[in-house]
């Protein structure tokens, strides 16, 4: 599914009239994508197919890489500090959800974007006001989230308003800096009575 986006862009680049016809008709565009795109992409030459897939899964531009090898090593070292089972939260756009897939770390977010309902959105939008949001503290406790990660690295800000409370953790009085490794900084949550629980 993800790789179909560059394929669709390539198709519309080659056939601008089709793009002009489908632009005001999203339902028709979706139908074309589902029914016609797989057949048409088979018609592309090997070099075009390779370029489309390689550009998506191995982008040349560094800012299009979700987490590079150095970032993975930083996250691996930080994950080793977090006791097994304890949870960590961070903006999903900076690559921290991959800690779950790569190292088995209990991350709150495991995909992009954050859901619009439930504890995920409560934490994502309210984490910057832990003292005034008991609902955020309750949500953190339900998921045993005792740690937070911040990073200047942002792969893709998809619906940034859903994680606005996790921006700039350095200025959040409810967390305490533990360690910076590369582009990532690990914080211990001290608000919501978490400090005693984390150190126990």
N, C-alpha and C. Protein backbone atom coordinates (compact mmCIF):
# COMPACT_ATOMS: atom_id res chain seq x y z
N UNK A 1 0.84 -1.20 0.00
CA UNK A 1 0.00 0.00 0.00
C UNK A 1 0.87 1.25 0.00
N UNK A 2 1.88 1.28 0.90
CA UNK A 2 2.72 2.46 0.99
C UNK A 2 3.47 2.72 -0.30
N UNK A 3 3.92 1.66 -0.93
CA UNK A 3 4.69 1.82 -2.16
C UNK A 3 3.83 2.26 -3.33
N UNK A 4 2.51 2.21 -3.19
CA UNK A 4 1.64 2.62 -4.30
C UNK A 4 1.65 4.13 -4.49
N UNK A 5 1.99 4.89 -3.45
CA UNK A 5 2.00 6.35 -3.57
C UNK A 5 2.99 6.83 -4.62
N UNK A 6 4.28 6.40 -4.56
CA UNK A 6 5.18 6.83 -5.63
C UNK A 6 4.77 6.30 -6.99
N UNK A 7 4.17 5.12 -7.02
CA UNK A 7 3.73 4.57 -8.30
C UNK A 7 2.62 5.43 -8.89
N UNK A 8 1.69 5.88 -8.04
CA UNK A 8 0.60 6.73 -8.51
C UNK A 8 1.14 8.08 -8.98
N UNK A 9 2.11 8.63 -8.24
CA UNK A 9 2.71 9.90 -8.68
C UNK A 9 3.36 9.74 -10.05
N UNK A 10 4.06 8.63 -10.25
CA UNK A 10 4.72 8.38 -11.53
C UNK A 10 3.69 8.26 -12.65
N UNK A 11 2.59 7.57 -12.36
CA UNK A 11 1.54 7.41 -13.35
C UNK A 11 0.95 8.76 -13.74
N UNK A 12 0.65 9.60 -12.74
CA UNK A 12 0.04 10.90 -13.03
C UNK A 12 1.03 11.84 -13.71
N UNK A 13 2.32 11.66 -13.43
CA UNK A 13 3.33 12.47 -14.12
C UNK A 13 3.35 12.13 -15.61
N UNK A 14 3.19 10.85 -15.89
CA UNK A 14 3.21 10.41 -17.29
C UNK A 14 1.90 10.72 -18.01
N UNK A 15 0.82 10.86 -17.25
CA UNK A 15 -0.49 11.11 -17.86
C UNK A 15 -1.18 12.26 -17.13
N UNK A 16 -0.75 13.52 -17.37
CA UNK A 16 -1.30 14.66 -16.64
C UNK A 16 -2.80 14.86 -16.86
N UNK A 17 -3.31 14.45 -18.01
CA UNK A 17 -4.76 14.61 -18.26
C UNK A 17 -5.57 13.74 -17.31
N UNK A 18 -5.05 12.55 -17.03
CA UNK A 18 -5.74 11.66 -16.09
C UNK A 18 -5.79 12.30 -14.71
N UNK A 19 -4.67 12.88 -14.29
CA UNK A 19 -4.63 13.55 -12.99
C UNK A 19 -5.61 14.69 -12.90
N UNK A 20 -5.73 15.48 -13.98
CA UNK A 20 -6.66 16.61 -13.99
C UNK A 20 -8.10 16.13 -13.91
N UNK A 21 -8.40 15.01 -14.54
CA UNK A 21 -9.76 14.47 -14.49
C UNK A 21 -10.11 13.91 -13.12
N UNK A 22 -9.13 13.28 -12.45
CA UNK A 22 -9.41 12.61 -11.19
C UNK A 22 -9.32 13.53 -9.97
N UNK A 23 -8.62 14.65 -10.10
CA UNK A 23 -8.40 15.53 -8.94
C UNK A 23 -9.68 15.94 -8.24
N UNK A 24 -10.74 16.38 -8.97
CA UNK A 24 -11.97 16.78 -8.26
C UNK A 24 -12.88 15.60 -7.90
N UNK A 25 -12.45 14.39 -8.20
CA UNK A 25 -13.28 13.20 -7.96
C UNK A 25 -12.51 12.18 -7.13
N UNK A 26 -12.45 12.37 -5.80
CA UNK A 26 -11.65 11.46 -4.97
C UNK A 26 -12.12 10.02 -5.03
N UNK A 27 -13.43 9.79 -5.16
CA UNK A 27 -13.92 8.41 -5.22
C UNK A 27 -13.43 7.73 -6.49
N UNK A 28 -13.44 8.46 -7.59
CA UNK A 28 -12.96 7.90 -8.86
C UNK A 28 -11.46 7.63 -8.78
N UNK A 29 -10.73 8.54 -8.14
CA UNK A 29 -9.28 8.35 -8.00
C UNK A 29 -8.98 7.11 -7.19
N UNK A 30 -9.75 6.89 -6.12
CA UNK A 30 -9.55 5.71 -5.29
C UNK A 30 -9.83 4.44 -6.08
N UNK A 31 -10.89 4.48 -6.89
CA UNK A 31 -11.23 3.31 -7.71
C UNK A 31 -10.13 3.00 -8.71
N UNK A 32 -9.57 4.04 -9.32
CA UNK A 32 -8.46 3.84 -10.26
C UNK A 32 -7.27 3.23 -9.54
N UNK A 33 -6.97 3.76 -8.36
CA UNK A 33 -5.82 3.26 -7.61
C UNK A 33 -5.97 1.79 -7.26
N UNK A 34 -7.17 1.39 -6.84
CA UNK A 34 -7.39 0.01 -6.41
C UNK A 34 -7.46 -0.96 -7.57
N UNK A 35 -8.13 -0.57 -8.65
CA UNK A 35 -8.37 -1.50 -9.75
C UNK A 35 -7.34 -1.45 -10.87
N UNK A 36 -6.88 -0.25 -11.18
CA UNK A 36 -6.05 -0.09 -12.37
C UNK A 36 -4.56 -0.01 -12.07
N UNK A 37 -4.21 0.62 -10.96
CA UNK A 37 -2.80 0.87 -10.66
C UNK A 37 -1.94 -0.40 -10.65
N UNK A 38 -2.37 -1.48 -9.98
CA UNK A 38 -1.51 -2.68 -9.99
C UNK A 38 -1.20 -3.19 -11.40
N UNK A 39 -2.20 -3.14 -12.28
CA UNK A 39 -1.99 -3.62 -13.65
C UNK A 39 -1.06 -2.69 -14.40
N UNK A 40 -1.27 -1.38 -14.24
CA UNK A 40 -0.44 -0.42 -14.98
C UNK A 40 1.01 -0.44 -14.52
N UNK A 41 1.24 -0.62 -13.23
CA UNK A 41 2.62 -0.61 -12.75
C UNK A 41 3.40 -1.80 -13.27
N UNK A 42 2.71 -2.89 -13.60
CA UNK A 42 3.41 -4.02 -14.19
C UNK A 42 3.97 -3.66 -15.56
N UNK A 43 3.35 -2.65 -16.18
CA UNK A 43 3.81 -2.24 -17.50
C UNK A 43 5.04 -1.36 -17.47
N UNK A 44 5.39 -0.82 -16.29
CA UNK A 44 6.60 0.00 -16.20
C UNK A 44 7.82 -0.88 -16.44
N UNK A 45 8.84 -0.30 -17.00
CA UNK A 45 10.06 -1.08 -17.19
C UNK A 45 10.71 -1.36 -15.84
N UNK A 46 11.63 -2.29 -15.82
CA UNK A 46 12.26 -2.73 -14.58
C UNK A 46 12.94 -1.58 -13.85
N UNK A 47 13.61 -0.71 -14.58
CA UNK A 47 14.33 0.40 -13.95
C UNK A 47 13.36 1.34 -13.23
N UNK A 48 12.21 1.60 -13.83
CA UNK A 48 11.22 2.49 -13.20
C UNK A 48 10.66 1.86 -11.94
N UNK A 49 10.32 0.57 -12.00
CA UNK A 49 9.80 -0.10 -10.80
C UNK A 49 10.85 -0.10 -9.69
N UNK A 50 12.09 -0.39 -10.05
CA UNK A 50 13.16 -0.41 -9.05
C UNK A 50 13.33 0.96 -8.41
N UNK A 51 13.32 2.02 -9.24
CA UNK A 51 13.51 3.38 -8.73
C UNK A 51 12.38 3.78 -7.78
N UNK A 52 11.14 3.41 -8.13
CA UNK A 52 10.00 3.75 -7.27
C UNK A 52 10.11 3.06 -5.91
N UNK A 53 10.42 1.77 -5.92
CA UNK A 53 10.50 1.03 -4.67
C UNK A 53 11.72 1.42 -3.85
N UNK A 54 12.87 1.57 -4.52
CA UNK A 54 14.09 1.94 -3.80
C UNK A 54 13.95 3.33 -3.20
N UNK A 55 13.30 4.24 -3.92
CA UNK A 55 13.12 5.59 -3.40
C UNK A 55 12.24 5.63 -2.17
N UNK A 56 11.32 4.68 -2.06
CA UNK A 56 10.45 4.65 -0.89
C UNK A 56 11.13 3.95 0.28
N UNK A 57 11.71 2.79 0.04
CA UNK A 57 12.27 2.00 1.14
C UNK A 57 13.71 2.35 1.48
N UNK A 58 14.45 2.94 0.53
CA UNK A 58 15.82 3.38 0.79
C UNK A 58 16.01 4.78 0.23
N UNK A 59 15.40 5.78 0.86
CA UNK A 59 15.46 7.14 0.31
C UNK A 59 16.88 7.70 0.34
N UNK A 60 17.21 8.49 -0.69
CA UNK A 60 18.54 9.10 -0.76
C UNK A 60 18.66 10.29 0.19
N UNK A 61 17.57 11.01 0.39
CA UNK A 61 17.60 12.19 1.25
C UNK A 61 17.58 11.77 2.72
N UNK A 62 18.55 12.23 3.53
CA UNK A 62 18.62 11.81 4.94
C UNK A 62 17.36 12.14 5.74
N UNK A 63 16.66 13.23 5.38
CA UNK A 63 15.48 13.59 6.16
C UNK A 63 14.27 12.73 5.83
N UNK A 64 14.40 11.81 4.88
CA UNK A 64 13.31 10.88 4.58
C UNK A 64 13.56 9.50 5.16
N UNK A 65 14.63 9.35 5.92
CA UNK A 65 14.93 8.07 6.58
C UNK A 65 14.26 8.08 7.95
N UNK A 66 13.47 7.05 8.23
CA UNK A 66 12.76 7.01 9.51
C UNK A 66 13.77 6.98 10.65
N UNK A 67 14.63 5.99 10.68
CA UNK A 67 15.70 5.91 11.67
C UNK A 67 16.90 5.27 10.98
N UNK A 68 17.99 6.04 10.85
CA UNK A 68 19.21 5.50 10.25
C UNK A 68 19.93 4.59 11.22
N UNK A 69 21.07 4.06 10.78
CA UNK A 69 21.81 3.12 11.62
C UNK A 69 22.30 3.77 12.91
N UNK A 70 22.76 5.02 12.84
CA UNK A 70 23.21 5.72 14.05
C UNK A 70 22.06 5.93 15.02
N UNK A 71 20.90 6.32 14.47
CA UNK A 71 19.72 6.51 15.31
C UNK A 71 19.28 5.22 15.97
N UNK A 72 19.36 4.12 15.23
CA UNK A 72 19.00 2.82 15.81
C UNK A 72 19.92 2.46 16.97
N UNK A 73 21.20 2.75 16.82
CA UNK A 73 22.14 2.45 17.91
C UNK A 73 21.85 3.33 19.13
N UNK A 74 21.51 4.60 18.89
CA UNK A 74 21.15 5.48 20.01
C UNK A 74 19.93 4.95 20.73
N UNK A 75 18.91 4.57 19.98
CA UNK A 75 17.69 4.05 20.59
C UNK A 75 17.95 2.73 21.31
N UNK A 76 18.84 1.91 20.77
CA UNK A 76 19.18 0.64 21.42
C UNK A 76 19.82 0.89 22.79
N UNK A 77 20.75 1.84 22.84
CA UNK A 77 21.42 2.13 24.12
C UNK A 77 20.44 2.73 25.13
N UNK A 78 19.55 3.59 24.66
CA UNK A 78 18.57 4.18 25.58
C UNK A 78 17.55 3.14 26.04
N UNK A 79 17.18 2.23 25.16
CA UNK A 79 16.21 1.21 25.55
C UNK A 79 16.77 0.29 26.63
N UNK A 80 18.10 0.14 26.65
CA UNK A 80 18.74 -0.72 27.66
C UNK A 80 18.61 -0.12 29.06
N UNK A 81 18.37 1.18 29.15
CA UNK A 81 18.21 1.84 30.46
C UNK A 81 16.82 1.57 31.03
N UNK A 82 15.84 1.37 30.16
CA UNK A 82 14.45 1.21 30.58
C UNK A 82 14.24 -0.22 31.07
N UNK A 83 13.82 -0.40 32.33
CA UNK A 83 13.58 -1.77 32.83
C UNK A 83 12.53 -2.50 31.99
N UNK A 84 12.71 -3.78 31.86
CA UNK A 84 11.81 -4.60 31.04
C UNK A 84 10.37 -4.41 31.48
N UNK A 85 9.51 -4.19 30.51
CA UNK A 85 8.08 -4.05 30.78
C UNK A 85 7.62 -2.63 30.99
N UNK A 86 8.51 -1.76 31.49
CA UNK A 86 8.11 -0.37 31.69
C UNK A 86 7.98 0.31 30.33
N UNK A 87 7.01 1.23 30.23
CA UNK A 87 6.70 1.84 28.95
C UNK A 87 7.38 3.17 28.73
N UNK A 88 7.49 3.53 27.44
CA UNK A 88 8.09 4.80 27.04
C UNK A 88 7.19 5.44 25.99
N UNK A 89 7.14 6.77 26.03
CA UNK A 89 6.34 7.51 25.06
C UNK A 89 7.22 8.55 24.39
N UNK A 90 6.97 8.79 23.13
CA UNK A 90 7.67 9.82 22.37
C UNK A 90 6.87 10.11 21.12
N UNK A 91 7.15 11.23 20.49
CA UNK A 91 6.44 11.54 19.25
C UNK A 91 6.70 10.43 18.24
N UNK A 92 5.67 9.82 17.71
CA UNK A 92 5.91 8.71 16.78
C UNK A 92 6.66 9.12 15.53
N UNK A 93 6.62 10.41 15.20
CA UNK A 93 7.27 10.89 13.98
C UNK A 93 8.79 10.90 14.07
N UNK A 94 9.35 10.69 15.27
CA UNK A 94 10.81 10.71 15.36
C UNK A 94 11.43 9.31 15.34
N UNK A 95 10.61 8.30 15.08
CA UNK A 95 11.14 6.95 14.92
C UNK A 95 11.08 6.09 16.16
N UNK A 96 10.66 6.65 17.31
CA UNK A 96 10.66 5.86 18.55
C UNK A 96 9.73 4.65 18.52
N UNK A 97 8.65 4.62 17.72
CA UNK A 97 7.86 3.38 17.69
C UNK A 97 8.66 2.15 17.26
N UNK A 98 9.75 2.37 16.53
CA UNK A 98 10.57 1.25 16.08
C UNK A 98 11.31 0.57 17.23
N UNK A 99 11.37 1.21 18.40
CA UNK A 99 12.00 0.57 19.55
C UNK A 99 11.27 -0.72 19.92
N UNK A 100 9.97 -0.73 19.70
CA UNK A 100 9.19 -1.94 19.99
C UNK A 100 9.57 -3.05 19.02
N UNK A 101 9.64 -2.71 17.74
CA UNK A 101 9.95 -3.73 16.73
C UNK A 101 11.40 -4.19 16.80
N UNK A 102 12.32 -3.26 17.07
CA UNK A 102 13.75 -3.60 17.04
C UNK A 102 14.26 -4.20 18.34
N UNK A 103 13.76 -3.70 19.47
CA UNK A 103 14.35 -4.11 20.76
C UNK A 103 13.34 -4.68 21.75
N UNK A 104 12.06 -4.70 21.38
CA UNK A 104 11.04 -5.21 22.29
C UNK A 104 10.67 -4.24 23.39
N UNK A 105 11.06 -2.97 23.25
CA UNK A 105 10.73 -1.96 24.26
C UNK A 105 9.23 -1.68 24.22
N UNK A 106 8.64 -1.52 25.38
CA UNK A 106 7.20 -1.28 25.48
C UNK A 106 6.91 0.19 25.14
N UNK A 107 6.69 0.47 23.85
CA UNK A 107 6.38 1.84 23.42
C UNK A 107 4.87 2.03 23.36
N UNK A 108 4.41 3.20 23.77
CA UNK A 108 2.97 3.48 23.70
C UNK A 108 2.52 3.52 22.25
N UNK A 109 3.28 4.23 21.42
CA UNK A 109 2.92 4.35 20.01
C UNK A 109 3.73 3.35 19.20
N UNK A 110 3.04 2.65 18.32
CA UNK A 110 3.72 1.66 17.49
C UNK A 110 3.46 1.89 16.01
N UNK A 111 2.85 3.04 15.69
CA UNK A 111 2.59 3.38 14.30
C UNK A 111 2.34 4.88 14.19
N UNK A 112 2.26 5.35 12.96
CA UNK A 112 1.92 6.74 12.65
C UNK A 112 0.62 6.69 11.85
N UNK A 113 -0.32 7.57 12.10
CA UNK A 113 -0.39 8.60 13.12
C UNK A 113 -1.02 8.08 14.41
N UNK A 114 -1.07 8.94 15.42
CA UNK A 114 -1.71 8.61 16.69
C UNK A 114 -3.22 8.50 16.46
N UNK A 115 -3.86 7.51 17.08
CA UNK A 115 -5.33 7.41 16.96
C UNK A 115 -6.02 8.66 17.50
N UNK A 116 -7.23 8.90 17.06
CA UNK A 116 -7.96 10.10 17.48
C UNK A 116 -8.76 9.89 18.75
N UNK A 117 -8.79 8.68 19.27
CA UNK A 117 -9.52 8.41 20.51
C UNK A 117 -8.65 7.56 21.43
N UNK A 118 -9.07 7.48 22.69
CA UNK A 118 -8.39 6.61 23.64
C UNK A 118 -7.22 7.28 24.34
N UNK A 119 -6.48 6.46 25.10
CA UNK A 119 -5.37 6.97 25.89
C UNK A 119 -4.27 7.58 25.04
N UNK A 120 -4.10 7.07 23.83
CA UNK A 120 -3.02 7.57 22.97
C UNK A 120 -3.16 9.06 22.67
N UNK A 121 -4.38 9.49 22.35
CA UNK A 121 -4.59 10.91 22.03
C UNK A 121 -4.58 11.75 23.31
N UNK A 122 -5.05 11.20 24.41
CA UNK A 122 -5.03 11.92 25.69
C UNK A 122 -3.59 12.23 26.08
N UNK A 123 -2.72 11.23 25.98
CA UNK A 123 -1.31 11.43 26.33
C UNK A 123 -0.63 12.33 25.31
N UNK A 124 -0.89 12.10 24.04
CA UNK A 124 -0.23 12.88 22.99
C UNK A 124 -0.52 14.36 23.06
N UNK A 125 -1.72 14.73 23.46
CA UNK A 125 -2.09 16.15 23.50
C UNK A 125 -1.98 16.77 24.88
N UNK A 126 -1.90 15.95 25.93
CA UNK A 126 -1.91 16.51 27.28
C UNK A 126 -0.65 16.31 28.09
N UNK A 127 0.37 15.69 27.50
CA UNK A 127 1.59 15.37 28.25
C UNK A 127 2.32 16.61 28.74
N UNK A 128 2.14 17.74 28.08
CA UNK A 128 2.83 18.96 28.48
C UNK A 128 2.17 19.65 29.68
N UNK A 129 1.08 19.07 30.20
CA UNK A 129 0.39 19.65 31.35
C UNK A 129 0.05 18.55 32.35
N UNK A 130 1.06 17.80 32.77
CA UNK A 130 0.84 16.67 33.66
C UNK A 130 0.27 17.10 35.01
N UNK A 131 0.66 18.28 35.49
CA UNK A 131 0.17 18.74 36.79
C UNK A 131 -1.32 19.07 36.75
N UNK A 132 -1.82 19.49 35.61
CA UNK A 132 -3.22 19.89 35.52
C UNK A 132 -4.12 18.91 34.79
N UNK A 133 -3.58 17.76 34.42
CA UNK A 133 -4.37 16.79 33.66
C UNK A 133 -4.32 15.41 34.33
N UNK A 134 -5.16 15.19 35.34
CA UNK A 134 -5.17 13.87 35.98
C UNK A 134 -5.55 12.75 35.02
N UNK A 135 -6.29 13.08 33.95
CA UNK A 135 -6.65 12.05 32.98
C UNK A 135 -5.42 11.53 32.24
N UNK A 136 -4.42 12.41 32.04
CA UNK A 136 -3.18 11.98 31.40
C UNK A 136 -2.41 11.06 32.34
N UNK A 137 -2.36 11.42 33.62
CA UNK A 137 -1.69 10.57 34.60
C UNK A 137 -2.33 9.19 34.67
N UNK A 138 -3.65 9.15 34.64
CA UNK A 138 -4.36 7.87 34.67
C UNK A 138 -4.05 7.04 33.43
N UNK A 139 -3.99 7.70 32.28
CA UNK A 139 -3.67 6.99 31.03
C UNK A 139 -2.24 6.45 31.06
N UNK A 140 -1.31 7.24 31.58
CA UNK A 140 0.08 6.77 31.71
C UNK A 140 0.15 5.54 32.61
N UNK A 141 -0.58 5.59 33.73
CA UNK A 141 -0.56 4.47 34.67
C UNK A 141 -1.15 3.20 34.05
N UNK A 142 -2.20 3.36 33.26
CA UNK A 142 -2.82 2.18 32.64
C UNK A 142 -1.86 1.44 31.72
N UNK A 143 -0.93 2.19 31.12
CA UNK A 143 0.03 1.59 30.18
C UNK A 143 1.43 1.44 30.79
N UNK A 144 1.54 1.75 32.07
CA UNK A 144 2.83 1.68 32.78
C UNK A 144 3.91 2.49 32.06
N UNK A 145 3.54 3.67 31.57
CA UNK A 145 4.48 4.56 30.88
C UNK A 145 5.21 5.38 31.94
N UNK A 146 6.51 5.14 32.09
CA UNK A 146 7.31 5.84 33.09
C UNK A 146 8.46 6.64 32.48
N UNK A 147 8.61 6.55 31.16
CA UNK A 147 9.72 7.19 30.47
C UNK A 147 9.21 7.93 29.24
N UNK A 148 10.00 8.91 28.80
CA UNK A 148 9.65 9.66 27.59
C UNK A 148 10.93 9.92 26.80
N UNK A 149 10.78 9.98 25.49
CA UNK A 149 11.93 10.24 24.61
C UNK A 149 11.61 11.42 23.71
N UNK A 150 12.58 12.30 23.57
CA UNK A 150 12.44 13.45 22.68
C UNK A 150 13.58 13.40 21.67
N UNK A 151 13.38 14.06 20.54
CA UNK A 151 14.41 14.09 19.52
C UNK A 151 14.20 15.27 18.59
N UNK A 152 15.30 15.84 18.13
CA UNK A 152 15.21 16.89 17.12
C UNK A 152 14.97 16.28 15.74
N UNK A 153 15.21 14.97 15.64
CA UNK A 153 14.98 14.27 14.37
C UNK A 153 13.48 14.02 14.20
N UNK A 154 12.93 14.48 13.11
CA UNK A 154 11.52 14.23 12.81
C UNK A 154 11.44 13.74 11.37
N UNK A 155 11.03 12.49 11.22
CA UNK A 155 10.94 11.89 9.89
C UNK A 155 9.76 12.47 9.11
N UNK A 156 8.61 12.55 9.77
CA UNK A 156 7.40 12.93 9.05
C UNK A 156 6.38 13.39 10.06
N UNK A 157 6.02 14.66 10.02
CA UNK A 157 5.01 15.16 10.95
C UNK A 157 3.63 14.95 10.35
N UNK A 158 3.03 13.83 10.68
CA UNK A 158 1.69 13.52 10.20
C UNK A 158 0.72 13.81 11.33
N UNK A 159 -0.11 14.82 11.16
CA UNK A 159 -1.04 15.26 12.19
C UNK A 159 -0.29 15.64 13.47
N UNK A 160 0.60 16.63 13.40
CA UNK A 160 1.41 16.98 14.58
C UNK A 160 0.59 17.42 15.78
N UNK A 161 -0.63 17.88 15.54
CA UNK A 161 -1.47 18.30 16.67
C UNK A 161 -1.80 17.13 17.60
N UNK A 162 -1.71 15.91 17.09
CA UNK A 162 -2.04 14.75 17.93
C UNK A 162 -0.91 14.41 18.91
N UNK A 163 0.29 14.94 18.67
CA UNK A 163 1.40 14.69 19.59
C UNK A 163 1.99 16.00 20.10
N UNK A 164 1.19 17.06 20.09
CA UNK A 164 1.68 18.39 20.47
C UNK A 164 2.17 18.44 21.91
N UNK A 165 1.61 17.62 22.78
CA UNK A 165 2.02 17.62 24.18
C UNK A 165 3.37 16.98 24.42
N UNK A 166 3.90 16.30 23.41
CA UNK A 166 5.19 15.62 23.54
C UNK A 166 6.33 16.41 22.90
N UNK A 167 6.02 17.61 22.46
CA UNK A 167 7.03 18.45 21.83
C UNK A 167 7.84 19.18 22.90
N UNK A 168 9.14 19.25 22.72
CA UNK A 168 10.03 20.00 23.61
C UNK A 168 9.94 19.52 25.06
N UNK A 169 10.32 18.27 25.29
CA UNK A 169 10.28 17.71 26.64
C UNK A 169 11.26 18.39 27.59
N UNK A 170 12.28 19.05 27.05
CA UNK A 170 13.26 19.72 27.91
C UNK A 170 12.61 20.81 28.76
N UNK A 171 11.50 21.37 28.30
CA UNK A 171 10.83 22.42 29.06
C UNK A 171 9.64 21.89 29.87
N UNK A 172 9.48 20.58 29.90
CA UNK A 172 8.36 19.97 30.63
C UNK A 172 8.79 19.73 32.09
N UNK A 173 8.12 20.39 33.06
CA UNK A 173 8.53 20.22 34.46
C UNK A 173 8.19 18.85 35.04
N UNK A 174 7.44 18.05 34.31
CA UNK A 174 7.05 16.74 34.82
C UNK A 174 7.98 15.61 34.45
N UNK A 175 9.13 15.95 33.83
CA UNK A 175 10.10 14.92 33.47
C UNK A 175 11.50 15.36 33.89
N UNK A 176 12.39 14.37 34.00
CA UNK A 176 13.78 14.62 34.40
C UNK A 176 14.70 13.97 33.38
N UNK A 177 15.63 14.74 32.86
CA UNK A 177 16.55 14.22 31.85
C UNK A 177 17.44 13.13 32.44
N UNK A 178 17.56 12.03 31.70
CA UNK A 178 18.40 10.91 32.14
C UNK A 178 19.66 10.83 31.29
N UNK A 179 19.48 10.85 29.97
CA UNK A 179 20.65 10.70 29.09
C UNK A 179 20.32 11.13 27.67
N UNK A 180 21.29 11.77 27.02
CA UNK A 180 21.19 12.08 25.60
C UNK A 180 22.15 11.19 24.85
N UNK A 181 21.65 10.61 23.76
CA UNK A 181 22.48 9.75 22.92
C UNK A 181 22.17 10.10 21.47
N UNK A 182 23.11 10.73 20.80
CA UNK A 182 22.87 11.17 19.43
C UNK A 182 21.75 12.20 19.39
N UNK A 183 20.76 11.95 18.55
CA UNK A 183 19.63 12.88 18.41
C UNK A 183 18.52 12.65 19.42
N UNK A 184 18.67 11.66 20.29
CA UNK A 184 17.58 11.27 21.19
C UNK A 184 17.94 11.55 22.65
N UNK A 185 16.94 11.99 23.42
CA UNK A 185 17.13 12.22 24.86
C UNK A 185 16.05 11.46 25.62
N UNK A 186 16.49 10.68 26.59
CA UNK A 186 15.59 9.90 27.43
C UNK A 186 15.29 10.68 28.71
N UNK A 187 14.01 10.72 29.08
CA UNK A 187 13.57 11.39 30.30
C UNK A 187 12.83 10.40 31.18
N UNK A 188 12.97 10.59 32.49
CA UNK A 188 12.17 9.84 33.47
C UNK A 188 10.97 10.71 33.83
N UNK A 189 9.79 10.13 33.83
CA UNK A 189 8.60 10.88 34.23
C UNK A 189 8.58 10.98 35.75
N UNK A 190 8.55 12.21 36.26
CA UNK A 190 8.56 12.43 37.70
C UNK A 190 7.20 12.89 38.21
N UNK A 191 6.33 13.37 37.33
CA UNK A 191 4.99 13.80 37.73
C UNK A 191 4.10 12.58 37.94
N UNK A 192 2.90 12.82 38.41
CA UNK A 192 1.88 11.78 38.58
C UNK A 192 2.31 10.70 39.58
N UNK A 193 3.25 11.01 40.45
CA UNK A 193 3.74 10.02 41.40
C UNK A 193 4.60 8.96 40.76
N UNK A 194 5.01 9.19 39.51
CA UNK A 194 5.80 8.18 38.78
C UNK A 194 7.23 8.08 39.30
N UNK A 195 7.75 9.16 39.86
CA UNK A 195 9.15 9.16 40.27
C UNK A 195 9.43 8.04 41.27
N UNK A 196 8.57 7.92 42.28
CA UNK A 196 8.76 6.88 43.29
C UNK A 196 8.61 5.49 42.68
N UNK A 197 7.64 5.33 41.78
CA UNK A 197 7.39 4.02 41.17
C UNK A 197 8.55 3.61 40.27
N UNK A 198 9.11 4.59 39.52
CA UNK A 198 10.19 4.27 38.59
C UNK A 198 11.46 3.89 39.33
N UNK A 199 11.74 4.56 40.44
CA UNK A 199 12.96 4.29 41.19
C UNK A 199 12.83 3.05 42.07
N UNK A 200 11.60 2.60 42.30
CA UNK A 200 11.38 1.45 43.20
C UNK A 200 11.94 0.17 42.60
